Amino acid sequence: MSRTRERKVGERGQVTLPKELREKLNIQGGDEVLVHEEDGKITIEKPVSREELSEGYRQYAAKSKALATEMADVSREADEYLGDVPEW
């Protein structure tokens, strides 16, 4: 569960992110963040890096390949168990 932290907004609209959040999310000085408003709330997010995005796609591809292999094995087992079935 997240904890609310109160911060003052400077004259130029700047807000300092709490150190523990910067460390937890690996946000360092000079990093870019995404700022957006939705339903009256301001959200600050660390953008996803190309490396993180690539790793996510690699993991998704590996899971998809494993699922396709499993489905092919099950289909082959069903064919062996059921034998020839009429064409529909």
PDB file of N, CA and C in Angstrom:
ATOM      1  N   MET A   1       0.851  -1.168   0.000  1.00  0.00           N
ATOM      2  CA  MET A   1       0.000   0.000   0.000  1.00  0.00           C
ATOM      3  C   MET A   1       0.898   1.232   0.000  1.00  0.00           C
ATOM      4  N   SER A   2       0.533   2.233  -0.797  1.00  0.00           N
ATOM      5  CA  SER A   2       1.340   3.440  -0.872  1.00  0.00           C
ATOM      6  C   SER A   2       1.017   4.380   0.279  1.00  0.00           C
ATOM      7  N   ARG A   3       1.986   5.191   0.595  1.00  0.00           N
ATOM      8  CA  ARG A   3       1.837   6.162   1.670  1.00  0.00           C
ATOM      9  C   ARG A   3       1.803   7.557   1.067  1.00  0.00           C
ATOM     10  N   THR A   4       0.896   8.401   1.507  1.00  0.00           N
ATOM     11  CA  THR A   4       0.784   9.764   0.990  1.00  0.00           C
ATOM     12  C   THR A   4       1.858  10.635   1.615  1.00  0.00           C
ATOM     13  N   ARG A   5       2.517  11.407   0.782  1.00  0.00           N
ATOM     14  CA  ARG A   5       3.549  12.321   1.251  1.00  0.00           C
ATOM     15  C   ARG A   5       3.195  13.723   0.791  1.00  0.00           C
ATOM     16  N   GLU A   6       3.104  14.646   1.711  1.00  0.00           N
ATOM     17  CA  GLU A   6       2.751  16.020   1.380  1.00  0.00           C
ATOM     18  C   GLU A   6       4.005  16.797   1.002  1.00  0.00           C
ATOM     19  N   ARG A   7       3.930  17.532  -0.094  1.00  0.00           N
ATOM     20  CA  ARG A   7       5.048  18.343  -0.577  1.00  0.00           C
ATOM     21  C   ARG A   7       4.528  19.710  -0.969  1.00  0.00           C
ATOM     22  N   LYS A   8       5.370  20.739  -0.824  1.00  0.00           N
ATOM     23  CA  LYS A   8       5.006  22.090  -1.260  1.00  0.00           C
ATOM     24  C   LYS A   8       5.413  22.270  -2.711  1.00  0.00           C
ATOM     25  N   VAL A   9       4.595  23.013  -3.430  1.00  0.00           N
ATOM     26  CA  VAL A   9       4.897  23.363  -4.809  1.00  0.00           C
ATOM     27  C   VAL A   9       5.613  24.701  -4.792  1.00  0.00           C
ATOM     28  N   GLY A  10       6.793  24.754  -5.415  1.00  0.00           N
ATOM     29  CA  GLY A  10       7.562  25.995  -5.477  1.00  0.00           C
ATOM     30  C   GLY A  10       6.917  27.004  -6.413  1.00  0.00           C
ATOM     31  N   GLU A  11       7.444  28.220  -6.393  1.00  0.00           N
ATOM     32  CA  GLU A  11       6.891  29.298  -7.215  1.00  0.00           C
ATOM     33  C   GLU A  11       6.911  28.963  -8.704  1.00  0.00           C
ATOM     34  N   ARG A  12       7.858  28.146  -9.124  1.00  0.00           N
ATOM     35  CA  ARG A  12       7.957  27.776 -10.538  1.00  0.00           C
ATOM     36  C   ARG A  12       7.217  26.479 -10.834  1.00  0.00           C
ATOM     37  N   GLY A  13       6.425  25.971  -9.877  1.00  0.00           N
ATOM     38  CA  GLY A  13       5.643  24.762 -10.094  1.00  0.00           C
ATOM     39  C   GLY A  13       6.415  23.487  -9.835  1.00  0.00           C
ATOM     40  N   GLN A  14       7.577  23.582  -9.232  1.00  0.00           N
ATOM     41  CA  GLN A  14       8.413  22.409  -9.005  1.00  0.00           C
ATOM     42  C   GLN A  14       8.051  21.714  -7.699  1.00  0.00           C
ATOM     43  N   VAL A  15       8.147  20.383  -7.727  1.00  0.00           N
ATOM     44  CA  VAL A  15       7.894  19.549  -6.558  1.00  0.00           C
ATOM     45  C   VAL A  15       9.069  18.576  -6.444  1.00  0.00           C
ATOM     46  N   THR A  16       9.585  18.388  -5.236  1.00  0.00           N
ATOM     47  CA  THR A  16      10.670  17.435  -5.021  1.00  0.00           C
ATOM     48  C   THR A  16      10.074  16.078  -4.687  1.00  0.00           C
ATOM     49  N   LEU A  17      10.506  15.066  -5.429  1.00  0.00           N
ATOM     50  CA  LEU A  17      10.046  13.700  -5.152  1.00  0.00           C
ATOM     51  C   LEU A  17      10.777  13.179  -3.921  1.00  0.00           C
ATOM     52  N   PRO A  18      10.078  12.500  -3.018  1.00  0.00           N
ATOM     53  CA  PRO A  18      10.732  11.961  -1.824  1.00  0.00           C
ATOM     54  C   PRO A  18      11.876  11.009  -2.193  1.00  0.00           C
ATOM     55  N   LYS A  19      12.959  11.093  -1.426  1.00  0.00           N
ATOM     56  CA  LYS A  19      14.146  10.292  -1.694  1.00  0.00           C
ATOM     57  C   LYS A  19      13.834   8.804  -1.757  1.00  0.00           C
ATOM     58  N   GLU A  20      13.006   8.304  -0.829  1.00  0.00           N
ATOM     59  CA  GLU A  20      12.717   6.870  -0.813  1.00  0.00           C
ATOM     60  C   GLU A  20      11.992   6.422  -2.088  1.00  0.00           C
ATOM     61  N   LEU A  21      11.157   7.292  -2.670  1.00  0.00           N
ATOM     62  CA  LEU A  21      10.489   6.953  -3.930  1.00  0.00           C
ATOM     63  C   LEU A  21      11.475   6.987  -5.091  1.00  0.00           C
ATOM     64  N   ARG A  22      12.352   8.009  -5.102  1.00  0.00           N
ATOM     65  CA  ARG A  22      13.361   8.084  -6.167  1.00  0.00           C
ATOM     66  C   ARG A  22      14.254   6.849  -6.145  1.00  0.00           C
ATOM     67  N   GLU A  23      14.648   6.423  -4.951  1.00  0.00           N
ATOM     68  CA  GLU A  23      15.498   5.238  -4.848  1.00  0.00           C
ATOM     69  C   GLU A  23      14.738   3.981  -5.256  1.00  0.00           C
ATOM     70  N   LYS A  24      13.508   3.856  -4.791  1.00  0.00           N
ATOM     71  CA  LYS A  24      12.702   2.663  -5.096  1.00  0.00           C
ATOM     72  C   LYS A  24      12.469   2.515  -6.600  1.00  0.00           C
ATOM     73  N   LEU A  25      12.225   3.640  -7.280  1.00  0.00           N
ATOM     74  CA  LEU A  25      11.923   3.612  -8.716  1.00  0.00           C
ATOM     75  C   LEU A  25      13.140   3.909  -9.578  1.00  0.00           C
ATOM     76  N   ASN A  26      14.307   4.046  -8.929  1.00  0.00           N
ATOM     77  CA  ASN A  26      15.559   4.326  -9.637  1.00  0.00           C
ATOM     78  C   ASN A  26      15.436   5.567 -10.517  1.00  0.00           C
ATOM     79  N   ILE A  27      14.943   6.642  -9.930  1.00  0.00           N
ATOM     80  CA  ILE A  27      14.837   7.927 -10.621  1.00  0.00           C
ATOM     81  C   ILE A  27      15.964   8.806 -10.092  1.00  0.00           C
ATOM     82  N   GLN A  28      16.779   9.298 -11.018  1.00  0.00           N
ATOM     83  CA  GLN A  28      17.910  10.130 -10.639  1.00  0.00           C
ATOM     84  C   GLN A  28      17.776  11.507 -11.266  1.00  0.00           C
ATOM     85  N   GLY A  29      18.521  12.473 -10.723  1.00  0.00           N
ATOM     86  CA  GLY A  29      18.509  13.822 -11.272  1.00  0.00           C
ATOM     87  C   GLY A  29      18.794  13.807 -12.759  1.00  0.00           C
ATOM     88  N   GLY A  30      18.006  14.514 -13.530  1.00  0.00           N
ATOM     89  CA  GLY A  30      18.171  14.559 -14.972  1.00  0.00           C
ATOM     90  C   GLY A  30      17.320  13.546 -15.723  1.00  0.00           C
ATOM     91  N   ASP A  31      16.777  12.551 -15.012  1.00  0.00           N
ATOM     92  CA  ASP A  31      15.896  11.580 -15.660  1.00  0.00           C
ATOM     93  C   ASP A  31      14.593  12.255 -16.075  1.00  0.00           C
ATOM     94  N   GLU A  32      13.985  11.740 -17.117  1.00  0.00           N
ATOM     95  CA  GLU A  32      12.678  12.229 -17.538  1.00  0.00           C
ATOM     96  C   GLU A  32      11.591  11.389 -16.894  1.00  0.00           C
ATOM     97  N   VAL A  33      10.464  12.023 -16.590  1.00  0.00           N
ATOM     98  CA  VAL A  33       9.302  11.332 -16.053  1.00  0.00           C
ATOM     99  C   VAL A  33       8.093  11.746 -16.868  1.00  0.00           C
ATOM    100  N   LEU A  34       7.049  10.933 -16.806  1.00  0.00           N
ATOM    101  CA  LEU A  34       5.791  11.247 -17.480  1.00  0.00           C
ATOM    102  C   LEU A  34       4.854  11.871 -16.461  1.00  0.00           C
ATOM    103  N   VAL A  35       4.243  12.988 -16.816  1.00  0.00           N
ATOM    104  CA  VAL A  35       3.309  13.677 -15.932  1.00  0.00           C
ATOM    105  C   VAL A  35       1.991  13.808 -16.679  1.00  0.00           C
ATOM    106  N   HIS A  36       0.916  13.304 -16.077  1.00  0.00           N
ATOM    107  CA  HIS A  36      -0.382  13.453 -16.727  1.00  0.00           C
ATOM    108  C   HIS A  36      -1.478  13.621 -15.685  1.00  0.00           C
ATOM    109  N   GLU A  37      -2.604  14.156 -16.143  1.00  0.00           N
ATOM    110  CA  GLU A  37      -3.761  14.406 -15.286  1.00  0.00           C
ATOM    111  C   GLU A  37      -4.899  13.518 -15.742  1.00  0.00           C
ATOM    112  N   GLU A  38      -5.580  12.927 -14.764  1.00  0.00           N
ATOM    113  CA  GLU A  38      -6.743  12.108 -15.061  1.00  0.00           C
ATOM    114  C   GLU A  38      -7.703  12.196 -13.890  1.00  0.00           C
ATOM    115  N   ASP A  39      -8.925  12.577 -14.170  1.00  0.00           N
ATOM    116  CA  ASP A  39      -9.965  12.693 -13.144  1.00  0.00           C
ATOM    117  C   ASP A  39      -9.529  13.572 -11.976  1.00  0.00           C
ATOM    118  N   GLY A  40      -8.869  14.684 -12.297  1.00  0.00           N
ATOM    119  CA  GLY A  40      -8.473  15.634 -11.266  1.00  0.00           C
ATOM    120  C   GLY A  40      -7.255  15.223 -10.451  1.00  0.00           C
ATOM    121  N   LYS A  41      -6.558  14.165 -10.873  1.00  0.00           N
ATOM    122  CA  LYS A  41      -5.360  13.711 -10.162  1.00  0.00           C
ATOM    123  C   LYS A  41      -4.148  13.845 -11.081  1.00  0.00           C
ATOM    124  N   ILE A  42      -3.030  14.260 -10.499  1.00  0.00           N
ATOM    125  CA  ILE A  42      -1.778  14.355 -11.239  1.00  0.00           C
ATOM    126  C   ILE A  42      -0.963  13.100 -10.942  1.00  0.00           C
ATOM    127  N   THR A  43      -0.492  12.441 -11.988  1.00  0.00           N
ATOM    128  CA  THR A  43       0.301  11.230 -11.834  1.00  0.00           C
ATOM    129  C   THR A  43       1.679  11.461 -12.440  1.00  0.00           C
ATOM    130  N   ILE A  44       2.703  11.026 -11.719  1.00  0.00           N
ATOM    131  CA  ILE A  44       4.082  11.086 -12.206  1.00  0.00           C
ATOM    132  C   ILE A  44       4.571   9.652 -12.325  1.00  0.00           C
ATOM    133  N   GLU A  45       5.053   9.280 -13.520  1.00  0.00           N
ATOM    134  CA  GLU A  45       5.507   7.914 -13.759  1.00  0.00           C
ATOM    135  C   GLU A  45       6.902   7.918 -14.353  1.00  0.00           C
ATOM    136  N   LYS A  46       7.641   6.874 -14.044  1.00  0.00           N
ATOM    137  CA  LYS A  46       8.909   6.659 -14.719  1.00  0.00           C
ATOM    138  C   LYS A  46       8.582   5.963 -16.030  1.00  0.00           C
ATOM    139  N   PRO A  47       9.048   6.492 -17.174  1.00  0.00           N
ATOM    140  CA  PRO A  47       8.747   5.836 -18.443  1.00  0.00           C
ATOM    141  C   PRO A  47       9.456   4.486 -18.549  1.00  0.00           C
ATOM    142  N   VAL A  48       8.890   3.609 -19.357  1.00  0.00           N
ATOM    143  CA  VAL A  48       9.480   2.297 -19.594  1.00  0.00           C
ATOM    144  C   VAL A  48      10.637   2.479 -20.577  1.00  0.00           C
ATOM    145  N   SER A  49      11.809   1.935 -20.235  1.00  0.00           N
ATOM    146  CA  SER A  49      12.969   2.053 -21.120  1.00  0.00           C
ATOM    147  C   SER A  49      12.846   1.056 -22.272  1.00  0.00           C
ATOM    148  N   ARG A  50      13.606   1.282 -23.316  1.00  0.00           N
ATOM    149  CA  ARG A  50      13.622   0.361 -24.455  1.00  0.00           C
ATOM    150  C   ARG A  50      14.052  -1.031 -24.006  1.00  0.00           C
ATOM    151  N   GLU A  51      15.014  -1.084 -23.079  1.00  0.00           N
ATOM    152  CA  GLU A  51      15.503  -2.370 -22.595  1.00  0.00           C
ATOM    153  C   GLU A  51      14.397  -3.116 -21.844  1.00  0.00           C
ATOM    154  N   GLU A  52      13.664  -2.401 -20.985  1.00  0.00           N
ATOM    155  CA  GLU A  52      12.570  -3.031 -20.244  1.00  0.00           C
ATOM    156  C   GLU A  52      11.472  -3.496 -21.190  1.00  0.00           C
ATOM    157  N   LEU A  53      11.164  -2.683 -22.184  1.00  0.00           N
ATOM    158  CA  LEU A  53      10.141  -3.038 -23.161  1.00  0.00           C
ATOM    159  C   LEU A  53      10.572  -4.258 -23.970  1.00  0.00           C
ATOM    160  N   SER A  54      11.831  -4.273 -24.391  1.00  0.00           N
ATOM    161  CA  SER A  54      12.352  -5.419 -25.146  1.00  0.00           C
ATOM    162  C   SER A  54      12.289  -6.687 -24.318  1.00  0.00           C
ATOM    163  N   GLU A  55      12.673  -6.604 -23.052  1.00  0.00           N
ATOM    164  CA  GLU A  55      12.635  -7.784 -22.181  1.00  0.00           C
ATOM    165  C   GLU A  55      11.205  -8.283 -22.014  1.00  0.00           C
ATOM    166  N   GLY A  56      10.243  -7.365 -21.887  1.00  0.00           N
ATOM    167  CA  GLY A  56       8.846  -7.764 -21.786  1.00  0.00           C
ATOM    168  C   GLY A  56       8.378  -8.506 -23.026  1.00  0.00           C
ATOM    169  N   TYR A  57       8.775  -8.013 -24.200  1.00  0.00           N
ATOM    170  CA  TYR A  57       8.405  -8.697 -25.446  1.00  0.00           C
ATOM    171  C   TYR A  57       9.067 -10.069 -25.538  1.00  0.00           C
ATOM    172  N   ARG A  58      10.340 -10.176 -25.104  1.00  0.00           N
ATOM    173  CA  ARG A  58      11.014 -11.478 -25.133  1.00  0.00           C
ATOM    174  C   ARG A  58      10.297 -12.479 -24.237  1.00  0.00           C
ATOM    175  N   GLN A  59       9.899 -12.039 -23.045  1.00  0.00           N
ATOM    176  CA  GLN A  59       9.188 -12.929 -22.128  1.00  0.00           C
ATOM    177  C   GLN A  59       7.843 -13.345 -22.706  1.00  0.00           C
ATOM    178  N   TYR A  60       7.122 -12.413 -23.327  1.00  0.00           N
ATOM    179  CA  TYR A  60       5.831 -12.716 -23.936  1.00  0.00           C
ATOM    180  C   TYR A  60       5.999 -13.727 -25.066  1.00  0.00           C
ATOM    181  N   ALA A  61       7.045 -13.530 -25.885  1.00  0.00           N
ATOM    182  CA  ALA A  61       7.295 -14.458 -27.002  1.00  0.00           C
ATOM    183  C   ALA A  61       7.621 -15.845 -26.478  1.00  0.00           C
ATOM    184  N   ALA A  62       8.404 -15.920 -25.412  1.00  0.00           N
ATOM    185  CA  ALA A  62       8.761 -17.226 -24.843  1.00  0.00           C
ATOM    186  C   ALA A  62       7.526 -17.933 -24.300  1.00  0.00           C
ATOM    187  N   LYS A  63       6.641 -17.193 -23.626  1.00  0.00           N
ATOM    188  CA  LYS A  63       5.409 -17.794 -23.104  1.00  0.00           C
ATOM    189  C   LYS A  63       4.515 -18.258 -24.248  1.00  0.00           C
ATOM    190  N   SER A  64       4.430 -17.455 -25.304  1.00  0.00           N
ATOM    191  CA  SER A  64       3.604 -17.826 -26.456  1.00  0.00           C
ATOM    192  C   SER A  64       4.138 -19.082 -27.124  1.00  0.00           C
ATOM    193  N   LYS A  65       5.459 -19.172 -27.252  1.00  0.00           N
ATOM    194  CA  LYS A  65       6.067 -20.347 -27.879  1.00  0.00           C
ATOM    195  C   LYS A  65       5.807 -21.588 -27.025  1.00  0.00           C
ATOM    196  N   ALA A  66       5.944 -21.443 -25.699  1.00  0.00           N
ATOM    197  CA  ALA A  66       5.698 -22.573 -24.800  1.00  0.00           C
ATOM    198  C   ALA A  66       4.241 -23.021 -24.888  1.00  0.00           C
ATOM    199  N   LEU A  67       3.315 -22.073 -24.961  1.00  0.00           N
ATOM    200  CA  LEU A  67       1.896 -22.412 -25.067  1.00  0.00           C
ATOM    201  C   LEU A  67       1.599 -23.122 -26.388  1.00  0.00           C
ATOM    202  N   ALA A  68       2.185 -22.629 -27.481  1.00  0.00           N
ATOM    203  CA  ALA A  68       1.966 -23.265 -28.784  1.00  0.00           C
ATOM    204  C   ALA A  68       2.503 -24.697 -28.782  1.00  0.00           C
ATOM    205  N   THR A  69       3.658 -24.902 -28.164  1.00  0.00           N
ATOM    206  CA  THR A  69       4.232 -26.250 -28.070  1.00  0.00           C
ATOM    207  C   THR A  69       3.328 -27.160 -27.254  1.00  0.00           C
ATOM    208  N   GLU A  70       2.845 -26.650 -26.130  1.00  0.00           N
ATOM    209  CA  GLU A  70       1.958 -27.440 -25.266  1.00  0.00           C
ATOM    210  C   GLU A  70       0.669 -27.802 -26.003  1.00  0.00           C
ATOM    211  N   MET A  71       0.101 -26.849 -26.733  1.00  0.00           N
ATOM    212  CA  MET A  71      -1.141 -27.114 -27.465  1.00  0.00           C
ATOM    213  C   MET A  71      -0.920 -28.142 -28.571  1.00  0.00           C
ATOM    214  N   ALA A  72       0.217 -28.080 -29.247  1.00  0.00           N
ATOM    215  CA  ALA A  72       0.528 -29.066 -30.288  1.00  0.00           C
ATOM    216  C   ALA A  72       0.665 -30.455 -29.673  1.00  0.00           C
ATOM    217  N   ASP A  73       1.314 -30.540 -28.502  1.00  0.00           N
ATOM    218  CA  ASP A  73       1.464 -31.830 -27.826  1.00  0.00           C
ATOM    219  C   ASP A  73       0.109 -32.401 -27.422  1.00  0.00           C
ATOM    220  N   VAL A  74      -0.754 -31.560 -26.886  1.00  0.00           N
ATOM    221  CA  VAL A  74      -2.088 -32.016 -26.463  1.00  0.00           C
ATOM    222  C   VAL A  74      -2.893 -32.460 -27.679  1.00  0.00           C
ATOM    223  N   SER A  75      -2.788 -31.723 -28.761  1.00  0.00           N
ATOM    224  CA  SER A  75      -3.510 -32.086 -29.980  1.00  0.00           C
ATOM    225  C   SER A  75      -3.028 -33.441 -30.506  1.00  0.00           C
ATOM    226  N   ARG A  76      -1.706 -33.651 -30.490  1.00  0.00           N
ATOM    227  CA  ARG A  76      -1.152 -34.923 -30.939  1.00  0.00           C
ATOM    228  C   ARG A  76      -1.626 -36.060 -30.036  1.00  0.00           C
ATOM    229  N   GLU A  77      -1.631 -35.847 -28.727  1.00  0.00           N
ATOM    230  CA  GLU A  77      -2.117 -36.866 -27.793  1.00  0.00           C
ATOM    231  C   GLU A  77      -3.582 -37.185 -28.044  1.00  0.00           C
ATOM    232  N   ALA A  78      -4.374 -36.144 -28.313  1.00  0.00           N
ATOM    233  CA  ALA A  78      -5.800 -36.368 -28.582  1.00  0.00           C
ATOM    234  C   ALA A  78      -5.981 -37.174 -29.857  1.00  0.00           C
ATOM    235  N   ASP A  79      -5.203 -36.857 -30.879  1.00  0.00           N
ATOM    236  CA  ASP A  79      -5.273 -37.618 -32.128  1.00  0.00           C
ATOM    237  C   ASP A  79      -4.933 -39.090 -31.891  1.00  0.00           C
ATOM    238  N   GLU A  80      -3.894 -39.334 -31.106  1.00  0.00           N
ATOM    239  CA  GLU A  80      -3.484 -40.709 -30.815  1.00  0.00           C
ATOM    240  C   GLU A  80      -4.569 -41.438 -30.015  1.00  0.00           C
ATOM    241  N   TYR A  81      -5.203 -40.753 -29.084  1.00  0.00           N
ATOM    242  CA  TYR A  81      -6.222 -41.366 -28.228  1.00  0.00           C
ATOM    243  C   TYR A  81      -7.513 -41.614 -28.997  1.00  0.00           C
ATOM    244  N   LEU A  82      -7.917 -40.641 -29.805  1.00  0.00           N
ATOM    245  CA  LEU A  82      -9.201 -40.727 -30.506  1.00  0.00           C
ATOM    246  C   LEU A  82      -9.105 -41.478 -31.815  1.00  0.00           C
ATOM    247  N   GLY A  83      -7.933 -41.521 -32.387  1.00  0.00           N
ATOM    248  CA  GLY A  83      -7.798 -42.172 -33.683  1.00  0.00           C
ATOM    249  C   GLY A  83      -8.343 -41.290 -34.787  1.00  0.00           C
ATOM    250  N   ASP A  84      -8.663 -41.900 -35.897  1.00  0.00           N
ATOM    251  CA  ASP A  84      -9.209 -41.152 -37.018  1.00  0.00           C
ATOM    252  C   ASP A  84     -10.612 -40.688 -36.714  1.00  0.00           C
ATOM    253  N   VAL A  85     -10.882 -39.437 -37.036  1.00  0.00           N
ATOM    254  CA  VAL A  85     -12.239 -38.896 -36.863  1.00  0.00           C
ATOM    255  C   VAL A  85     -12.731 -38.481 -38.237  1.00  0.00           C
ATOM    256  N   PRO A  86     -14.034 -38.523 -38.452  1.00  0.00           N
ATOM    257  CA  PRO A  86     -14.548 -38.139 -39.763  1.00  0.00           C
ATOM    258  C   PRO A  86     -14.294 -36.650 -40.050  1.00  0.00           C
ATOM    259  N   GLU A  87     -14.106 -36.349 -41.311  1.00  0.00           N
ATOM    260  CA  GLU A  87     -13.952 -34.961 -41.727  1.00  0.00           C
ATOM    261  C   GLU A  87     -15.301 -34.273 -41.637  1.00  0.00           C
ATOM    262  N   TRP A  88     -15.349 -33.090 -41.208  1.00  0.00           N
ATOM    263  CA  TRP A  88     -16.621 -32.358 -41.069  1.00  0.00           C
ATOM    264  C   TRP A  88     -16.896 -31.558 -42.282  1.00  0.00           C
TER     265      TRP A  88
END
